[in-house]
Amino acid sequence: MFDIYLSAFALFLVVIDPIGTAPVFLSVTKNNTVTERVQIAFESVFIASAILVTFSLLGNYIFGYLKISYPALGIAGGIILFLVALKMLFEDPNSETASIDSSNRVSIFPLAVPLLAGAASITSVIVIMNELQGDILNQTLIISALLTVMLITLAVFYILARTGKFINKNITNVISKVMAIILSGLSIQFIINGIKAINF
């Protein structure tokens, strides 16, 4: 029973990747105050958790009803991430627009969706819950493992929110540009994986 929890925990830790998303959090909140960063941290993790738990319980029914395939979800997530990466890459960090955008619901987009609750994490939670269909106890363990990873993510974001002000703004801008390049590559990989998974 505990093995199921550990397996699910390891899977969610990889696909949600709290450490990997931390620089993105730092980049998109670079113009926010400490209080705003803390609020964004809580909001993004709460929203992503709600989405993932909802899909863990209803995902198969939702996708089945709408006839949405997992490859389509991956391709859509890749396109969205690519647009986010382009915005981060070409945004002027000193402009007023950058400041307004960075404080305007980044907790929902791109942090909660598609970074935390993205194609990989949504697909993973649906598949693993489907494998244990009818086993309420083990499904509860799966959701517990998911929420544990989300708490770790919140802790990472919270620490960054509190300490981000001590990081030089130029360093933050460099991190933002590097993360944009990495995100663009990751987004294209999502699209490639989605295309490969299509059964022609």
N, C-alpha and C. Protein backbone atom coordinates (compact mmCIF):
# COMPACT_ATOMS: atom_id res chain seq x y z
N MET A 1 0.84 -1.20 0.00
CA MET A 1 0.00 0.00 0.00
C MET A 1 0.88 1.26 0.00
N PHE A 2 1.89 1.28 0.86
CA PHE A 2 2.80 2.42 0.92
C PHE A 2 3.62 2.53 -0.36
N ASP A 3 3.84 1.37 -1.03
CA ASP A 3 4.57 1.38 -2.30
C ASP A 3 3.81 2.17 -3.36
N ILE A 4 2.49 2.04 -3.35
CA ILE A 4 1.66 2.77 -4.31
C ILE A 4 1.81 4.28 -4.08
N TYR A 5 1.79 4.67 -2.81
CA TYR A 5 1.97 6.09 -2.46
C TYR A 5 3.32 6.60 -2.95
N LEU A 6 4.39 5.84 -2.68
CA LEU A 6 5.73 6.26 -3.07
C LEU A 6 5.88 6.34 -4.58
N SER A 7 5.31 5.37 -5.29
CA SER A 7 5.38 5.36 -6.75
C SER A 7 4.67 6.59 -7.33
N ALA A 8 3.48 6.86 -6.80
CA ALA A 8 2.71 8.02 -7.27
C ALA A 8 3.44 9.31 -6.92
N PHE A 9 4.01 9.38 -5.72
CA PHE A 9 4.74 10.56 -5.28
C PHE A 9 5.92 10.83 -6.22
N ALA A 10 6.67 9.78 -6.55
CA ALA A 10 7.83 9.93 -7.43
C ALA A 10 7.39 10.40 -8.82
N LEU A 11 6.30 9.83 -9.32
CA LEU A 11 5.79 10.21 -10.64
C LEU A 11 5.38 11.68 -10.67
N PHE A 12 4.60 12.10 -9.67
CA PHE A 12 4.12 13.48 -9.64
C PHE A 12 5.26 14.47 -9.40
N LEU A 13 6.25 14.04 -8.63
CA LEU A 13 7.40 14.91 -8.37
C LEU A 13 8.15 15.19 -9.66
N VAL A 14 8.20 14.20 -10.54
CA VAL A 14 8.90 14.36 -11.81
C VAL A 14 8.10 15.22 -12.77
N VAL A 15 6.80 14.91 -12.93
CA VAL A 15 6.01 15.62 -13.96
C VAL A 15 5.63 17.04 -13.54
N ILE A 16 5.43 17.28 -12.23
CA ILE A 16 5.11 18.63 -11.77
C ILE A 16 6.39 19.44 -11.59
N ASP A 17 7.44 18.78 -11.12
CA ASP A 17 8.79 19.36 -11.06
C ASP A 17 8.85 20.70 -10.33
N PRO A 18 8.67 20.70 -9.01
CA PRO A 18 8.70 21.95 -8.24
C PRO A 18 9.99 22.75 -8.40
N ILE A 19 11.12 22.05 -8.44
CA ILE A 19 12.41 22.74 -8.58
C ILE A 19 12.54 23.34 -9.98
N GLY A 20 12.11 22.58 -10.98
CA GLY A 20 12.21 23.05 -12.36
C GLY A 20 11.34 24.25 -12.65
N THR A 21 10.17 24.33 -11.98
CA THR A 21 9.26 25.46 -12.21
C THR A 21 9.63 26.68 -11.36
N ALA A 22 10.51 26.49 -10.39
CA ALA A 22 10.89 27.59 -9.50
C ALA A 22 11.48 28.79 -10.25
N PRO A 23 12.41 28.58 -11.21
CA PRO A 23 12.93 29.76 -11.93
C PRO A 23 11.85 30.47 -12.74
N VAL A 24 10.86 29.71 -13.23
CA VAL A 24 9.77 30.34 -13.97
C VAL A 24 8.96 31.23 -13.04
N PHE A 25 8.69 30.73 -11.84
CA PHE A 25 7.99 31.54 -10.84
C PHE A 25 8.75 32.83 -10.57
N LEU A 26 10.05 32.70 -10.41
CA LEU A 26 10.89 33.87 -10.13
C LEU A 26 10.86 34.84 -11.31
N SER A 27 10.83 34.31 -12.52
CA SER A 27 10.86 35.16 -13.71
C SER A 27 9.57 35.94 -13.89
N VAL A 28 8.43 35.24 -13.77
CA VAL A 28 7.15 35.91 -14.07
C VAL A 28 6.68 36.81 -12.93
N THR A 29 7.34 36.71 -11.77
CA THR A 29 6.96 37.57 -10.64
C THR A 29 8.07 38.57 -10.29
N LYS A 30 8.99 38.77 -11.21
CA LYS A 30 10.16 39.59 -10.90
C LYS A 30 9.82 41.05 -10.60
N ASN A 31 8.66 41.54 -11.08
CA ASN A 31 8.27 42.93 -10.84
C ASN A 31 7.24 43.08 -9.72
N ASN A 32 6.95 41.96 -9.04
CA ASN A 32 5.95 42.01 -7.97
C ASN A 32 6.59 42.24 -6.61
N THR A 33 5.79 42.73 -5.67
CA THR A 33 6.26 42.88 -4.30
C THR A 33 6.28 41.52 -3.61
N VAL A 34 6.89 41.48 -2.43
CA VAL A 34 6.95 40.22 -1.68
C VAL A 34 5.54 39.72 -1.36
N THR A 35 4.67 40.63 -0.93
CA THR A 35 3.29 40.24 -0.59
C THR A 35 2.57 39.67 -1.80
N GLU A 36 2.75 40.30 -2.95
CA GLU A 36 2.12 39.81 -4.19
C GLU A 36 2.68 38.46 -4.58
N ARG A 37 3.98 38.27 -4.41
CA ARG A 37 4.59 36.99 -4.74
C ARG A 37 4.04 35.86 -3.87
N VAL A 38 3.89 36.14 -2.59
CA VAL A 38 3.34 35.13 -1.68
C VAL A 38 1.91 34.77 -2.10
N GLN A 39 1.14 35.80 -2.44
CA GLN A 39 -0.25 35.56 -2.87
C GLN A 39 -0.27 34.74 -4.16
N ILE A 40 0.60 35.07 -5.10
CA ILE A 40 0.68 34.33 -6.36
C ILE A 40 1.08 32.89 -6.10
N ALA A 41 2.01 32.68 -5.17
CA ALA A 41 2.44 31.31 -4.83
C ALA A 41 1.27 30.47 -4.34
N PHE A 42 0.52 31.01 -3.39
CA PHE A 42 -0.63 30.28 -2.84
C PHE A 42 -1.70 30.06 -3.90
N GLU A 43 -2.00 31.11 -4.67
CA GLU A 43 -3.05 31.00 -5.68
C GLU A 43 -2.71 29.97 -6.75
N SER A 44 -1.49 30.02 -7.26
CA SER A 44 -1.10 29.12 -8.35
C SER A 44 -1.14 27.66 -7.92
N VAL A 45 -0.63 27.39 -6.72
CA VAL A 45 -0.62 26.00 -6.23
C VAL A 45 -2.03 25.52 -5.91
N PHE A 46 -2.85 26.39 -5.32
CA PHE A 46 -4.23 26.02 -5.01
C PHE A 46 -5.02 25.72 -6.29
N ILE A 47 -4.89 26.58 -7.30
CA ILE A 47 -5.62 26.39 -8.55
C ILE A 47 -5.16 25.12 -9.25
N ALA A 48 -3.84 24.93 -9.32
CA ALA A 48 -3.31 23.73 -9.97
C ALA A 48 -3.75 22.47 -9.24
N SER A 49 -3.75 22.51 -7.91
CA SER A 49 -4.19 21.35 -7.12
C SER A 49 -5.65 21.03 -7.39
N ALA A 50 -6.48 22.08 -7.42
CA ALA A 50 -7.91 21.89 -7.68
C ALA A 50 -8.13 21.27 -9.06
N ILE A 51 -7.39 21.74 -10.05
CA ILE A 51 -7.52 21.21 -11.41
C ILE A 51 -7.10 19.75 -11.46
N LEU A 52 -5.96 19.42 -10.85
CA LEU A 52 -5.45 18.05 -10.90
C LEU A 52 -6.35 17.08 -10.14
N VAL A 53 -6.85 17.50 -8.98
CA VAL A 53 -7.75 16.63 -8.22
C VAL A 53 -9.05 16.41 -9.00
N THR A 54 -9.55 17.46 -9.64
CA THR A 54 -10.76 17.34 -10.45
C THR A 54 -10.56 16.37 -11.59
N PHE A 55 -9.44 16.48 -12.28
CA PHE A 55 -9.17 15.57 -13.39
C PHE A 55 -8.89 14.15 -12.90
N SER A 56 -8.34 14.01 -11.71
CA SER A 56 -8.12 12.67 -11.17
C SER A 56 -9.43 11.94 -10.93
N LEU A 57 -10.48 12.69 -10.60
CA LEU A 57 -11.78 12.10 -10.31
C LEU A 57 -12.68 12.03 -11.54
N LEU A 58 -12.56 13.04 -12.42
CA LEU A 58 -13.52 13.14 -13.54
C LEU A 58 -12.86 13.16 -14.91
N GLY A 59 -11.55 13.07 -14.96
CA GLY A 59 -10.82 13.23 -16.22
C GLY A 59 -11.26 12.31 -17.33
N ASN A 60 -11.40 11.01 -17.03
CA ASN A 60 -11.80 10.06 -18.07
C ASN A 60 -13.16 10.39 -18.64
N TYR A 61 -14.07 10.81 -17.78
CA TYR A 61 -15.42 11.16 -18.23
C TYR A 61 -15.41 12.43 -19.08
N ILE A 62 -14.61 13.42 -18.64
CA ILE A 62 -14.54 14.69 -19.36
C ILE A 62 -13.95 14.49 -20.76
N PHE A 63 -12.80 13.80 -20.84
CA PHE A 63 -12.16 13.58 -22.13
C PHE A 63 -13.00 12.69 -23.03
N GLY A 64 -13.65 11.69 -22.40
CA GLY A 64 -14.50 10.80 -23.17
C GLY A 64 -15.69 11.52 -23.76
N TYR A 65 -16.31 12.38 -22.98
CA TYR A 65 -17.49 13.11 -23.43
C TYR A 65 -17.14 14.11 -24.53
N LEU A 66 -16.03 14.82 -24.34
CA LEU A 66 -15.62 15.83 -25.32
C LEU A 66 -14.81 15.24 -26.47
N LYS A 67 -14.47 13.95 -26.35
CA LYS A 67 -13.68 13.26 -27.38
C LYS A 67 -12.32 13.95 -27.61
N ILE A 68 -11.70 14.33 -26.50
CA ILE A 68 -10.36 14.93 -26.56
C ILE A 68 -9.33 13.85 -26.27
N SER A 69 -8.37 13.71 -27.16
CA SER A 69 -7.33 12.69 -26.97
C SER A 69 -6.17 13.27 -26.17
N TYR A 70 -5.39 12.38 -25.54
CA TYR A 70 -4.22 12.83 -24.79
C TYR A 70 -3.17 13.50 -25.69
N PRO A 71 -2.94 13.00 -26.92
CA PRO A 71 -2.01 13.71 -27.80
C PRO A 71 -2.46 15.14 -28.09
N ALA A 72 -3.78 15.34 -28.27
CA ALA A 72 -4.29 16.69 -28.53
C ALA A 72 -4.01 17.60 -27.34
N LEU A 73 -4.16 17.06 -26.12
CA LEU A 73 -3.89 17.84 -24.92
C LEU A 73 -2.41 18.24 -24.86
N GLY A 74 -1.54 17.29 -25.22
CA GLY A 74 -0.11 17.58 -25.21
C GLY A 74 0.28 18.64 -26.22
N ILE A 75 -0.30 18.56 -27.43
CA ILE A 75 -0.01 19.55 -28.47
C ILE A 75 -0.51 20.93 -28.05
N ALA A 76 -1.72 20.98 -27.49
CA ALA A 76 -2.28 22.26 -27.04
C ALA A 76 -1.42 22.87 -25.94
N GLY A 77 -1.00 22.05 -24.99
CA GLY A 77 -0.13 22.54 -23.92
C GLY A 77 1.20 23.05 -24.45
N GLY A 78 1.73 22.36 -25.47
CA GLY A 78 2.98 22.79 -26.08
C GLY A 78 2.86 24.14 -26.76
N ILE A 79 1.75 24.35 -27.49
CA ILE A 79 1.53 25.63 -28.18
C ILE A 79 1.41 26.77 -27.16
N ILE A 80 0.66 26.52 -26.10
CA ILE A 80 0.49 27.55 -25.07
C ILE A 80 1.83 27.90 -24.42
N LEU A 81 2.61 26.88 -24.08
CA LEU A 81 3.92 27.12 -23.47
C LEU A 81 4.84 27.89 -24.42
N PHE A 82 4.74 27.58 -25.71
CA PHE A 82 5.58 28.26 -26.69
C PHE A 82 5.25 29.75 -26.74
N LEU A 83 3.96 30.09 -26.68
CA LEU A 83 3.54 31.49 -26.68
C LEU A 83 4.04 32.21 -25.42
N VAL A 84 3.98 31.49 -24.28
CA VAL A 84 4.50 32.05 -23.03
C VAL A 84 6.00 32.31 -23.15
N ALA A 85 6.72 31.35 -23.74
CA ALA A 85 8.17 31.48 -23.90
C ALA A 85 8.52 32.68 -24.78
N LEU A 86 7.77 32.87 -25.88
CA LEU A 86 8.02 34.01 -26.76
C LEU A 86 7.80 35.33 -26.02
N LYS A 87 6.74 35.39 -25.22
CA LYS A 87 6.43 36.61 -24.47
C LYS A 87 7.55 36.93 -23.48
N MET A 88 8.03 35.89 -22.78
CA MET A 88 9.11 36.08 -21.81
C MET A 88 10.40 36.52 -22.52
N LEU A 89 10.64 35.94 -23.70
CA LEU A 89 11.90 36.18 -24.40
C LEU A 89 12.01 37.61 -24.94
N PHE A 90 10.90 38.13 -25.48
CA PHE A 90 10.94 39.44 -26.14
C PHE A 90 10.35 40.56 -25.30
N GLU A 91 9.94 40.26 -24.08
CA GLU A 91 9.39 41.29 -23.21
C GLU A 91 10.49 42.21 -22.69
N ASP A 92 10.19 43.49 -22.67
CA ASP A 92 11.12 44.47 -22.09
C ASP A 92 10.90 44.49 -20.58
N PRO A 93 11.87 44.04 -19.79
CA PRO A 93 11.69 43.95 -18.34
C PRO A 93 11.50 45.30 -17.66
N ASN A 94 11.86 46.38 -18.33
CA ASN A 94 11.77 47.70 -17.71
C ASN A 94 10.52 48.48 -18.15
N SER A 95 9.72 47.88 -19.03
CA SER A 95 8.54 48.59 -19.53
C SER A 95 7.40 48.51 -18.54
N GLU A 96 6.45 49.44 -18.63
CA GLU A 96 5.28 49.44 -17.76
C GLU A 96 4.41 48.24 -18.04
N THR A 97 4.35 47.84 -19.32
CA THR A 97 3.54 46.68 -19.70
C THR A 97 4.02 45.43 -19.01
N ALA A 98 5.34 45.28 -18.94
CA ALA A 98 5.91 44.11 -18.27
C ALA A 98 5.49 44.09 -16.82
N SER A 99 5.51 45.25 -16.16
CA SER A 99 5.15 45.32 -14.76
C SER A 99 3.68 44.99 -14.54
N ILE A 100 2.81 45.51 -15.44
CA ILE A 100 1.39 45.23 -15.30
C ILE A 100 1.09 43.77 -15.54
N ASP A 101 1.69 43.23 -16.63
CA ASP A 101 1.43 41.83 -16.96
C ASP A 101 1.90 40.89 -15.87
N SER A 102 3.06 41.21 -15.27
CA SER A 102 3.62 40.31 -14.29
C SER A 102 2.78 40.24 -13.02
N SER A 103 1.96 41.27 -12.79
CA SER A 103 1.15 41.26 -11.58
C SER A 103 -0.30 40.87 -11.87
N ASN A 104 -0.58 40.54 -13.15
CA ASN A 104 -1.95 40.30 -13.58
C ASN A 104 -2.21 38.81 -13.80
N ARG A 105 -2.61 38.14 -12.77
CA ARG A 105 -3.07 36.76 -12.86
C ARG A 105 -2.05 35.77 -13.40
N VAL A 106 -0.77 35.98 -13.17
CA VAL A 106 0.21 34.97 -13.56
C VAL A 106 0.04 33.71 -12.71
N SER A 107 -0.67 33.83 -11.59
CA SER A 107 -0.95 32.66 -10.78
C SER A 107 -1.79 31.64 -11.54
N ILE A 108 -2.67 32.16 -12.44
CA ILE A 108 -3.49 31.26 -13.25
C ILE A 108 -2.72 30.84 -14.50
N PHE A 109 -2.19 31.82 -15.21
CA PHE A 109 -1.47 31.56 -16.45
C PHE A 109 -0.19 32.39 -16.46
N PRO A 110 0.98 31.81 -16.56
CA PRO A 110 1.24 30.42 -16.93
C PRO A 110 1.55 29.47 -15.77
N LEU A 111 1.50 29.94 -14.51
CA LEU A 111 1.97 29.09 -13.41
C LEU A 111 1.07 27.88 -13.17
N ALA A 112 -0.21 28.14 -12.81
CA ALA A 112 -1.12 27.02 -12.54
C ALA A 112 -1.32 26.17 -13.79
N VAL A 113 -1.63 26.85 -14.89
CA VAL A 113 -1.81 26.21 -16.20
C VAL A 113 -1.01 26.99 -17.22
N PRO A 114 -0.12 26.36 -17.99
CA PRO A 114 0.07 24.92 -18.09
C PRO A 114 1.29 24.36 -17.36
N LEU A 115 1.98 25.17 -16.52
CA LEU A 115 3.23 24.68 -15.93
C LEU A 115 3.00 23.61 -14.87
N LEU A 116 2.17 23.89 -13.87
CA LEU A 116 1.93 22.90 -12.81
C LEU A 116 0.88 21.88 -13.23
N ALA A 117 -0.26 22.37 -13.66
CA ALA A 117 -1.31 21.47 -14.15
C ALA A 117 -1.27 21.48 -15.67
N GLY A 118 -0.26 20.84 -16.21
CA GLY A 118 -0.07 20.79 -17.65
C GLY A 118 -0.46 19.44 -18.23
N ALA A 119 -0.12 19.26 -19.49
CA ALA A 119 -0.51 18.03 -20.18
C ALA A 119 0.06 16.78 -19.49
N ALA A 120 1.34 16.86 -19.10
CA ALA A 120 1.98 15.69 -18.50
C ALA A 120 1.36 15.33 -17.15
N SER A 121 1.16 16.34 -16.31
CA SER A 121 0.62 16.06 -14.97
C SER A 121 -0.85 15.63 -15.04
N ILE A 122 -1.64 16.26 -15.90
CA ILE A 122 -3.05 15.88 -16.03
C ILE A 122 -3.17 14.46 -16.57
N THR A 123 -2.39 14.16 -17.61
CA THR A 123 -2.42 12.81 -18.17
C THR A 123 -1.99 11.78 -17.15
N SER A 124 -0.93 12.08 -16.41
CA SER A 124 -0.40 11.13 -15.42
C SER A 124 -1.43 10.82 -14.34
N VAL A 125 -2.09 11.86 -13.83
CA VAL A 125 -3.03 11.63 -12.74
C VAL A 125 -4.26 10.87 -13.22
N ILE A 126 -4.67 11.11 -14.46
CA ILE A 126 -5.82 10.37 -15.01
C ILE A 126 -5.48 8.90 -15.21
N VAL A 127 -4.32 8.66 -15.80
CA VAL A 127 -3.91 7.28 -16.10
C VAL A 127 -3.74 6.46 -14.83
N ILE A 128 -3.04 7.02 -13.85
CA ILE A 128 -2.77 6.26 -12.63
C ILE A 128 -4.04 6.02 -11.82
N MET A 129 -4.97 6.98 -11.85
CA MET A 129 -6.24 6.78 -11.16
C MET A 129 -7.11 5.77 -11.89
N ASN A 130 -7.03 5.76 -13.21
CA ASN A 130 -7.81 4.81 -14.00
C ASN A 130 -7.35 3.38 -13.76
N GLU A 131 -6.05 3.21 -13.55
CA GLU A 131 -5.50 1.87 -13.29
C GLU A 131 -6.02 1.30 -11.98
N LEU A 132 -6.38 2.17 -11.04
CA LEU A 132 -6.86 1.73 -9.72
C LEU A 132 -8.36 1.98 -9.56
N GLN A 133 -9.07 1.98 -10.69
CA GLN A 133 -10.50 2.26 -10.66
C GLN A 133 -11.23 1.25 -9.78
N GLY A 134 -12.05 1.76 -8.87
CA GLY A 134 -12.80 0.90 -7.96
C GLY A 134 -12.11 0.66 -6.64
N ASP A 135 -10.81 0.98 -6.55
CA ASP A 135 -10.05 0.80 -5.31
C ASP A 135 -9.96 2.17 -4.61
N ILE A 136 -10.94 2.46 -3.79
CA ILE A 136 -11.06 3.78 -3.17
C ILE A 136 -9.86 4.10 -2.29
N LEU A 137 -9.39 3.11 -1.51
CA LEU A 137 -8.28 3.35 -0.59
C LEU A 137 -7.02 3.76 -1.34
N ASN A 138 -6.67 2.99 -2.38
CA ASN A 138 -5.45 3.31 -3.13
C ASN A 138 -5.60 4.60 -3.93
N GLN A 139 -6.81 4.88 -4.41
CA GLN A 139 -7.02 6.16 -5.09
C GLN A 139 -6.84 7.34 -4.14
N THR A 140 -7.26 7.12 -2.89
CA THR A 140 -7.05 8.15 -1.86
C THR A 140 -5.56 8.38 -1.62
N LEU A 141 -4.79 7.31 -1.64
CA LEU A 141 -3.33 7.41 -1.49
C LEU A 141 -2.72 8.19 -2.65
N ILE A 142 -3.24 7.95 -3.85
CA ILE A 142 -2.73 8.65 -5.03
C ILE A 142 -2.96 10.15 -4.89
N ILE A 143 -4.17 10.52 -4.49
CA ILE A 143 -4.48 11.95 -4.32
C ILE A 143 -3.63 12.55 -3.20
N SER A 144 -3.39 11.76 -2.15
CA SER A 144 -2.53 12.23 -1.05
C SER A 144 -1.11 12.50 -1.54
N ALA A 145 -0.61 11.60 -2.39
CA ALA A 145 0.73 11.79 -2.95
C ALA A 145 0.79 13.04 -3.81
N LEU A 146 -0.27 13.26 -4.58
CA LEU A 146 -0.36 14.46 -5.42
C LEU A 146 -0.34 15.72 -4.57
N LEU A 147 -1.13 15.74 -3.51
CA LEU A 147 -1.20 16.92 -2.65
C LEU A 147 0.11 17.15 -1.90
N THR A 148 0.83 16.07 -1.59
CA THR A 148 2.13 16.21 -0.95
C THR A 148 3.11 16.94 -1.86
N VAL A 149 3.11 16.55 -3.14
CA VAL A 149 3.99 17.22 -4.12
C VAL A 149 3.60 18.69 -4.28
N MET A 150 2.29 18.97 -4.26
CA MET A 150 1.84 20.35 -4.39
C MET A 150 2.25 21.18 -3.18
N LEU A 151 2.27 20.57 -1.99
CA LEU A 151 2.74 21.26 -0.79
C LEU A 151 4.23 21.58 -0.89
N ILE A 152 4.99 20.65 -1.46
CA ILE A 152 6.42 20.89 -1.68
C ILE A 152 6.60 22.05 -2.66
N THR A 153 5.78 22.07 -3.70
CA THR A 153 5.82 23.15 -4.68
C THR A 153 5.52 24.49 -4.02
N LEU A 154 4.50 24.49 -3.16
CA LEU A 154 4.14 25.72 -2.44
C LEU A 154 5.30 26.19 -1.57
N ALA A 155 5.96 25.25 -0.90
CA ALA A 155 7.10 25.61 -0.04
C ALA A 155 8.22 26.24 -0.85
N VAL A 156 8.49 25.66 -2.03
CA VAL A 156 9.54 26.21 -2.90
C VAL A 156 9.17 27.61 -3.37
N PHE A 157 7.93 27.79 -3.82
CA PHE A 157 7.47 29.11 -4.28
C PHE A 157 7.49 30.13 -3.14
N TYR A 158 7.08 29.69 -1.96
CA TYR A 158 7.02 30.60 -0.81
C TYR A 158 8.42 31.10 -0.43
N ILE A 159 9.38 30.18 -0.43
CA ILE A 159 10.75 30.57 -0.11
C ILE A 159 11.27 31.57 -1.14
N LEU A 160 10.99 31.31 -2.42
CA LEU A 160 11.41 32.24 -3.46
C LEU A 160 10.71 33.58 -3.33
N ALA A 161 9.43 33.54 -2.96
CA ALA A 161 8.67 34.78 -2.79
C ALA A 161 9.27 35.66 -1.70
N ARG A 162 9.76 35.02 -0.64
CA ARG A 162 10.33 35.75 0.49
C ARG A 162 11.77 36.20 0.24
N THR A 163 12.51 35.44 -0.54
CA THR A 163 13.94 35.73 -0.72
C THR A 163 14.23 36.40 -2.06
N GLY A 164 13.21 36.43 -2.96
CA GLY A 164 13.44 36.98 -4.30
C GLY A 164 13.94 38.40 -4.30
N LYS A 165 13.55 39.17 -3.30
CA LYS A 165 13.96 40.59 -3.26
C LYS A 165 15.47 40.75 -3.04
N PHE A 166 16.12 39.68 -2.56
CA PHE A 166 17.56 39.75 -2.32
C PHE A 166 18.36 39.37 -3.57
N ILE A 167 17.64 38.94 -4.62
CA ILE A 167 18.31 38.54 -5.85
C ILE A 167 18.39 39.75 -6.78
N ASN A 168 19.55 40.01 -7.29
CA ASN A 168 19.77 41.16 -8.17
C ASN A 168 18.82 41.11 -9.37
N LYS A 169 18.25 42.29 -9.73
CA LYS A 169 17.26 42.34 -10.81
C LYS A 169 17.86 41.91 -12.14
N ASN A 170 19.11 42.25 -12.38
CA ASN A 170 19.75 41.85 -13.64
C ASN A 170 19.88 40.33 -13.73
N ILE A 171 20.19 39.72 -12.58
CA ILE A 171 20.28 38.26 -12.55
C ILE A 171 18.91 37.65 -12.84
N THR A 172 17.86 38.24 -12.26
CA THR A 172 16.51 37.77 -12.50
C THR A 172 16.15 37.87 -13.98
N ASN A 173 16.53 38.97 -14.61
CA ASN A 173 16.24 39.14 -16.03
C ASN A 173 16.97 38.12 -16.89
N VAL A 174 18.21 37.82 -16.52
CA VAL A 174 18.97 36.81 -17.24
C VAL A 174 18.30 35.44 -17.10
N ILE A 175 17.90 35.11 -15.86
CA ILE A 175 17.21 33.85 -15.60
C ILE A 175 15.94 33.77 -16.44
N SER A 176 15.23 34.90 -16.52
CA SER A 176 13.99 34.95 -17.29
C SER A 176 14.24 34.61 -18.76
N LYS A 177 15.29 35.17 -19.34
CA LYS A 177 15.57 34.93 -20.75
C LYS A 177 16.03 33.49 -20.99
N VAL A 178 16.86 32.97 -20.08
CA VAL A 178 17.31 31.59 -20.20
C VAL A 178 16.13 30.63 -20.09
N MET A 179 15.25 30.91 -19.12
CA MET A 179 14.07 30.06 -18.93
C MET A 179 13.15 30.13 -20.15
N ALA A 180 13.09 31.28 -20.81
CA ALA A 180 12.27 31.41 -22.01
C ALA A 180 12.78 30.48 -23.11
N ILE A 181 14.10 30.42 -23.25
CA ILE A 181 14.70 29.54 -24.26
C ILE A 181 14.42 28.08 -23.92
N ILE A 182 14.58 27.73 -22.63
CA ILE A 182 14.32 26.35 -22.21
C ILE A 182 12.85 26.00 -22.40
N LEU A 183 11.97 26.93 -22.04
CA LEU A 183 10.54 26.71 -22.18
C LEU A 183 10.15 26.52 -23.64
N SER A 184 10.77 27.28 -24.52
CA SER A 184 10.46 27.13 -25.94
C SER A 184 10.83 25.73 -26.43
N GLY A 185 11.99 25.25 -26.00
CA GLY A 185 12.39 23.89 -26.36
C GLY A 185 11.47 22.85 -25.77
N LEU A 186 11.08 23.05 -24.50
CA LEU A 186 10.17 22.13 -23.85
C LEU A 186 8.81 22.11 -24.54
N SER A 187 8.34 23.27 -24.95
CA SER A 187 7.03 23.35 -25.61
C SER A 187 7.04 22.61 -26.95
N ILE A 188 8.13 22.77 -27.70
CA ILE A 188 8.24 22.06 -28.98
C ILE A 188 8.28 20.56 -28.75
N GLN A 189 8.95 20.14 -27.66
CA GLN A 189 9.01 18.71 -27.34
C GLN A 189 7.62 18.17 -27.01
N PHE A 190 6.81 18.96 -26.29
CA PHE A 190 5.43 18.57 -26.01
C PHE A 190 4.66 18.34 -27.31
N ILE A 191 4.86 19.25 -28.26
CA ILE A 191 4.16 19.14 -29.55
C ILE A 191 4.63 17.90 -30.31
N ILE A 192 5.94 17.67 -30.33
CA ILE A 192 6.49 16.49 -31.00
C ILE A 192 5.96 15.21 -30.37
N ASN A 193 5.95 15.16 -29.03
CA ASN A 193 5.44 13.97 -28.34
C ASN A 193 3.97 13.74 -28.66
N GLY A 194 3.20 14.83 -28.72
CA GLY A 194 1.79 14.72 -29.04
C GLY A 194 1.57 14.18 -30.44
N ILE A 195 2.37 14.67 -31.40
CA ILE A 195 2.25 14.21 -32.78
C ILE A 195 2.64 12.74 -32.89
N LYS A 196 3.73 12.36 -32.19
CA LYS A 196 4.17 10.95 -32.21
C LYS A 196 3.11 10.01 -31.64
N ALA A 197 2.35 10.51 -30.67
CA ALA A 197 1.36 9.65 -30.00
C ALA A 197 0.07 9.49 -30.78
N ILE A 198 -0.07 10.28 -31.85
CA ILE A 198 -1.29 10.17 -32.68
C ILE A 198 -1.25 8.88 -33.47
N ASN A 199 -2.37 8.16 -33.44
CA ASN A 199 -2.48 6.92 -34.23
C ASN A 199 -3.09 7.24 -35.59
N PHE A 200 -2.20 7.34 -36.60
CA PHE A 200 -2.69 7.69 -37.95
C PHE A 200 -3.34 6.47 -38.59
